[in-house]
Structure formats: C-alpha cells, structure tokens
Amino acid sequence: MQQIKLFIGTESEVRTLEDEANAWLRETDAEIVHMFGNIAPQTMAHVVTKVESTGRRFQPSDLFLAIVYKTT
C-alpha cells in the first residue's frame, strides 16, 4: 500500500528539514516510490523587510517536501 509523508519548513532552516526527512527515512526504512518538493515565496512577499539573521531584505521562502512510499 502506498502512503505519503509531508515535510514543511523555510529556506533559512533547510538543514533542519533535511535532517528531519533523513531521520524519518532511517527510522522507517520505507521503500521510496517518489519524492518531490517545492520552494515558494512567503505569502506576504510584497512586504519588504530586513531579516536580521540573514541580512536579506525578504523573508525566507517556504519549502515543501513530499515522499510517496510503500509499507510492507
């Protein structure tokens, strides 16, 4: 049976998202059917602000990762 696992994060925390997805893969030993993702600007993209932690003028983008996998 195929199932789906979703992960969400932000561009400024991409390493955390990678670590979370990789930990889940190791823990479940899932058989991966397909992986796909997306990067998209924050919903308030028209508001220009300076993000202190990165020195950028815009908020970090949203990240989305979907993993389709089979259960045994």
C-alpha atoms as a PDB file:
ATOM      1  CA  MET A   1       0.000   0.000   0.000  1.00  0.00           C
ATOM      2  CA  GLN A   2       1.362   3.444  -0.904  1.00  0.00           C
ATOM      3  CA  GLN A   3       1.316   6.248   1.632  1.00  0.00           C
ATOM      4  CA  ILE A   4       2.581   9.827   1.755  1.00  0.00           C
ATOM      5  CA  LYS A   5       4.704  11.755   4.255  1.00  0.00           C
ATOM      6  CA  LEU A   6       4.823  15.568   4.100  1.00  0.00           C
ATOM      7  CA  PHE A   7       7.538  17.869   5.431  1.00  0.00           C
ATOM      8  CA  ILE A   8       7.407  21.664   5.554  1.00  0.00           C
ATOM      9  CA  GLY A   9       9.982  24.260   6.519  1.00  0.00           C
ATOM     10  CA  THR A  10      11.599  27.508   5.487  1.00  0.00           C
ATOM     11  CA  GLU A  11      14.607  28.326   3.362  1.00  0.00           C
ATOM     12  CA  SER A  12      16.507  29.649   6.370  1.00  0.00           C
ATOM     13  CA  GLU A  13      16.147  26.250   8.079  1.00  0.00           C
ATOM     14  CA  VAL A  14      16.815  23.976   5.104  1.00  0.00           C
ATOM     15  CA  ARG A  15      19.344  21.896   7.057  1.00  0.00           C
ATOM     16  CA  THR A  16      16.727  21.168   9.740  1.00  0.00           C
ATOM     17  CA  LEU A  17      14.270  19.996   7.092  1.00  0.00           C
ATOM     18  CA  GLU A  18      16.940  17.753   5.544  1.00  0.00           C
ATOM     19  CA  ASP A  19      17.809  16.295   8.947  1.00  0.00           C
ATOM     20  CA  GLU A  20      14.140  15.671   9.769  1.00  0.00           C
ATOM     21  CA  ALA A  21      13.461  13.929   6.441  1.00  0.00           C
ATOM     22  CA  ASN A  22      16.650  11.848   6.629  1.00  0.00           C
ATOM     23  CA  ALA A  23      15.916  10.792  10.224  1.00  0.00           C
ATOM     24  CA  TRP A  24      12.412   9.695   9.215  1.00  0.00           C
ATOM     25  CA  LEU A  25      13.831   7.693   6.287  1.00  0.00           C
ATOM     26  CA  ARG A  26      16.349   5.931   8.560  1.00  0.00           C
ATOM     27  CA  GLU A  27      13.778   5.211  11.292  1.00  0.00           C
ATOM     28  CA  THR A  28      11.096   3.827   8.998  1.00  0.00           C
ATOM     29  CA  ASP A  29      13.268   2.074   6.412  1.00  0.00           C
ATOM     30  CA  ALA A  30      10.493   2.998   3.961  1.00  0.00           C
ATOM     31  CA  GLU A  31      10.591   1.912   0.335  1.00  0.00           C
ATOM     32  CA  ILE A  32      10.525   5.223  -1.534  1.00  0.00           C
ATOM     33  CA  VAL A  33       8.305   5.387  -4.615  1.00  0.00           C
ATOM     34  CA  HIS A  34       8.696   9.091  -5.414  1.00  0.00           C
ATOM     35  CA  MET A  35       9.951  12.317  -3.821  1.00  0.00           C
ATOM     36  CA  PHE A  36       9.075  15.827  -4.901  1.00  0.00           C
ATOM     37  CA  GLY A  37       9.202  19.294  -3.444  1.00  0.00           C
ATOM     38  CA  ASN A  38       8.664  22.961  -3.965  1.00  0.00           C
ATOM     39  CA  ILE A  39      10.126  26.286  -2.867  1.00  0.00           C
ATOM     40  CA  ALA A  40       7.806  29.292  -2.792  1.00  0.00           C
ATOM     41  CA  PRO A  41       7.999  32.875  -1.528  1.00  0.00           C
ATOM     42  CA  GLN A  42       6.268  33.726   1.727  1.00  0.00           C
ATOM     43  CA  THR A  43       2.657  34.798   1.317  1.00  0.00           C
ATOM     44  CA  MET A  44       3.491  38.404   2.256  1.00  0.00           C
ATOM     45  CA  ALA A  45       6.122  38.795  -0.479  1.00  0.00           C
ATOM     46  CA  HIS A  46       5.025  42.362  -1.261  1.00  0.00           C
ATOM     47  CA  VAL A  47       6.114  43.485   2.226  1.00  0.00           C
ATOM     48  CA  VAL A  48       9.823  44.313   2.138  1.00  0.00           C
ATOM     49  CA  THR A  49      11.538  43.801   5.478  1.00  0.00           C
ATOM     50  CA  LYS A  50      15.115  43.219   6.529  1.00  0.00           C
ATOM     51  CA  VAL A  51      15.576  39.793   8.041  1.00  0.00           C
ATOM     52  CA  GLU A  52      18.176  40.278  10.770  1.00  0.00           C
ATOM     53  CA  SER A  53      19.563  36.735  10.880  1.00  0.00           C
ATOM     54  CA  THR A  54      20.425  36.572   7.172  1.00  0.00           C
ATOM     55  CA  GLY A  55      20.884  40.219   6.189  1.00  0.00           C
ATOM     56  CA  ARG A  56      18.372  39.683   3.375  1.00  0.00           C
ATOM     57  CA  ARG A  57      15.586  42.092   2.523  1.00  0.00           C
ATOM     58  CA  PHE A  58      12.931  39.395   2.099  1.00  0.00           C
ATOM     59  CA  GLN A  59      11.554  36.673   4.313  1.00  0.00           C
ATOM     60  CA  PRO A  60      12.918  33.154   3.657  1.00  0.00           C
ATOM     61  CA  SER A  61      10.902  31.097   1.179  1.00  0.00           C
ATOM     62  CA  ASP A  62       8.644  28.224   2.211  1.00  0.00           C
ATOM     63  CA  LEU A  63       9.879  24.691   1.495  1.00  0.00           C
ATOM     64  CA  PHE A  64       7.714  21.647   0.912  1.00  0.00           C
ATOM     65  CA  LEU A  65       8.817  18.011   0.538  1.00  0.00           C
ATOM     66  CA  ALA A  66       6.526  15.075  -0.176  1.00  0.00           C
ATOM     67  CA  ILE A  67       7.626  11.465  -0.025  1.00  0.00           C
ATOM     68  CA  VAL A  68       5.467   8.713  -1.505  1.00  0.00           C
ATOM     69  CA  TYR A  69       6.441   5.373  -0.016  1.00  0.00           C
ATOM     70  CA  LYS A  70       5.323   1.769   0.291  1.00  0.00           C
ATOM     71  CA  THR A  71       4.629  -0.028   3.528  1.00  0.00           C
ATOM     72  CA  THR A  72       5.456  -3.676   3.934  1.00  0.00           C
END
